[in-house]
């Protein structure tokens, strides 16, 4: 299905900004992107699409089910293409990289816990915040994110 068809199937008109932004996610140099990330790519491509438009389109895409939105603790909304299969996120506190994982046992336990307490899970999102222990992590060249704790 072409991007134009994909947009039409969601009821969204295939405007240039929408096509460009969808293309950026499908070009997939980076899987998880904030509105600012998308905007930066557009700037590099000499596009004149404004940040406000980017925010609006991302919101429309999320409502249409084209993108999934996650809010990690940075407070920034991060978007990714919705491929339909559920996954959880491991967020590196050292460089901010997001890794996806799927663990059937975790999924099973979550449903069991919910059931025990009288709930049926409709949706859930699990983000695990972790420090990297890989001795030769390629992403660690980035200065670590400092968390300032004010007492």
Protein backbone atom coordinates (compact mmCIF):
# COMPACT_ATOMS: atom_id res chain seq x y z
CA UNK A 1 0.00 0.00 0.00
CA UNK A 2 1.44 3.37 -0.96
CA UNK A 3 1.61 6.18 1.59
CA UNK A 4 -1.15 8.04 -0.23
CA UNK A 5 -3.41 4.98 0.00
CA UNK A 6 -2.44 4.48 3.60
CA UNK A 7 -3.46 8.03 4.47
CA UNK A 8 -6.71 7.74 2.50
CA UNK A 9 -7.58 4.54 4.34
CA UNK A 10 -7.47 6.50 7.61
CA UNK A 11 -9.67 9.25 6.18
CA UNK A 12 -6.84 11.78 6.19
CA UNK A 13 -6.25 13.79 3.02
CA UNK A 14 -2.82 13.20 1.52
CA UNK A 15 -1.37 16.67 2.04
CA UNK A 16 2.32 17.32 1.45
CA UNK A 17 3.21 17.74 5.14
CA UNK A 18 1.43 14.49 6.01
CA UNK A 19 3.17 12.58 3.23
CA UNK A 20 6.60 13.99 4.13
CA UNK A 21 6.18 13.15 7.81
CA UNK A 22 4.90 9.63 7.13
CA UNK A 23 7.88 9.15 4.81
CA UNK A 24 10.30 10.18 7.56
CA UNK A 25 8.92 7.50 9.88
CA UNK A 26 8.97 4.88 7.17
CA UNK A 27 12.45 5.85 6.04
CA UNK A 28 13.20 4.75 9.56
CA UNK A 29 16.70 6.06 10.19
CA UNK A 30 15.42 6.48 13.72
CA UNK A 31 12.55 4.43 15.03
CA UNK A 32 11.44 6.59 17.95
CA UNK A 33 11.13 10.27 17.18
CA UNK A 34 9.89 13.36 18.98
CA UNK A 35 8.20 16.20 17.12
CA UNK A 36 11.53 18.06 17.32
CA UNK A 37 13.37 15.12 15.74
CA UNK A 38 10.90 15.12 12.84
CA UNK A 39 11.18 18.88 12.49
CA UNK A 40 14.99 18.65 12.38
CA UNK A 41 14.82 16.14 9.51
CA UNK A 42 12.42 18.42 7.65
CA UNK A 43 14.82 21.34 8.10
CA UNK A 44 17.69 19.26 6.72
CA UNK A 45 15.49 18.51 3.71
CA UNK A 46 14.95 22.25 3.25
CA UNK A 47 11.26 21.81 3.85
CA UNK A 48 9.23 24.79 5.08
CA UNK A 49 6.89 22.74 7.26
CA UNK A 50 6.64 24.45 10.66
CA UNK A 51 6.93 22.85 14.06
CA UNK A 52 3.26 23.57 14.84
CA UNK A 53 2.26 21.60 11.73
CA UNK A 54 4.51 18.73 12.78
CA UNK A 55 2.80 18.57 16.19
CA UNK A 56 -0.62 18.66 14.57
CA UNK A 57 0.16 15.94 12.02
CA UNK A 58 1.72 13.66 14.66
CA UNK A 59 -1.42 14.02 16.76
CA UNK A 60 -3.63 13.20 13.76
CA UNK A 61 -1.46 10.19 12.90
CA UNK A 62 -1.70 8.95 16.46
CA UNK A 63 -5.50 9.32 16.47
CA UNK A 64 -5.67 7.54 13.11
CA UNK A 65 -3.60 4.67 14.49
CA UNK A 66 -0.65 5.21 12.12
CA UNK A 67 1.70 6.09 14.98
CA UNK A 68 2.02 5.03 18.58
CA UNK A 69 2.93 7.60 21.18
CA UNK A 70 4.95 6.90 24.31
CA UNK A 71 5.79 9.35 27.04
CA UNK A 72 9.11 8.54 28.61
CA UNK A 73 10.16 10.32 31.77
CA UNK A 74 11.85 13.12 29.85
CA UNK A 75 8.27 14.34 29.49
CA UNK A 76 8.63 14.42 25.72
CA UNK A 77 6.18 12.50 23.57
CA UNK A 78 7.99 9.99 21.38
CA UNK A 79 6.32 8.57 18.27
CA UNK A 80 6.89 5.40 16.30
CA UNK A 81 5.16 3.62 13.42
CA UNK A 82 2.34 1.42 14.68
CA UNK A 83 3.09 -2.06 13.41
CA UNK A 84 0.38 -3.69 15.39
CA UNK A 85 2.43 -5.93 17.61
CA UNK A 86 2.80 -5.00 21.24
CA UNK A 87 6.20 -4.35 22.73
CA UNK A 88 7.69 -2.81 25.82
CA UNK A 89 10.54 -0.34 26.11
CA UNK A 90 13.88 -0.33 27.83
CA UNK A 91 15.14 3.22 28.18
CA UNK A 92 18.84 3.86 28.74
CA UNK A 93 19.45 6.50 31.41
CA UNK A 94 23.00 6.99 30.15
CA UNK A 95 22.32 7.92 26.54
CA UNK A 96 18.52 7.99 26.22
CA UNK A 97 18.44 5.20 23.63
CA UNK A 98 15.23 3.19 23.55
CA UNK A 99 15.32 -0.56 22.99
CA UNK A 100 12.21 -2.59 22.36
CA UNK A 101 11.54 -6.00 23.73
CA UNK A 102 8.70 -8.46 23.97
CA UNK A 103 8.51 -10.98 26.76
CA UNK A 104 5.58 -13.39 26.77
CA UNK A 105 6.10 -14.15 30.46
CA UNK A 106 5.82 -10.47 31.41
CA UNK A 107 2.65 -10.16 29.31
CA UNK A 108 1.19 -13.26 30.97
CA UNK A 109 2.01 -12.04 34.48
CA UNK A 110 0.48 -8.61 33.85
CA UNK A 111 -2.80 -10.18 32.80
CA UNK A 112 -2.71 -12.56 35.77
CA UNK A 113 -2.12 -9.69 38.22
CA UNK A 114 -4.92 -7.62 36.68
CA UNK A 115 -7.31 -10.58 36.75
CA UNK A 116 -6.49 -11.26 40.38
CA UNK A 117 -7.46 -7.68 41.22
CA UNK A 118 -10.62 -7.85 39.14
CA UNK A 119 -9.44 -6.10 35.98
CA UNK A 120 -9.16 -6.96 32.31
CA UNK A 121 -6.27 -5.12 30.66
CA UNK A 122 -7.27 -3.07 27.63
CA UNK A 123 -3.88 -1.59 27.02
CA UNK A 124 -0.68 -1.06 28.91
CA UNK A 125 2.69 0.43 28.49
CA UNK A 126 5.80 -0.69 30.29
CA UNK A 127 8.96 1.37 30.27
CA UNK A 128 11.98 0.13 32.15
CA UNK A 129 14.61 2.76 32.96
CA UNK A 130 18.06 1.28 33.19
CA UNK A 131 21.75 2.03 33.28
CA UNK A 132 23.89 0.48 30.59
CA UNK A 133 26.27 -2.25 31.75
CA UNK A 134 27.68 -3.10 28.31
CA UNK A 135 31.45 -2.50 28.55
CA UNK A 136 31.81 -1.42 24.92
CA UNK A 137 28.48 0.30 24.37
CA UNK A 138 28.65 2.22 21.06
CA UNK A 139 26.13 4.76 22.31
CA UNK A 140 28.04 5.76 25.40
CA UNK A 141 30.16 8.31 23.58
CA UNK A 142 27.24 10.62 24.30
CA UNK A 143 27.64 12.46 27.60
CA UNK A 144 25.46 10.81 30.23
CA UNK A 145 22.18 12.46 31.06
CA UNK A 146 22.64 14.06 34.45
CA UNK A 147 19.68 13.73 36.75
CA UNK A 148 19.73 16.58 39.23
CA UNK A 149 18.06 15.64 42.45
CA UNK A 150 17.30 18.69 44.56
CA UNK A 151 17.05 17.88 48.22
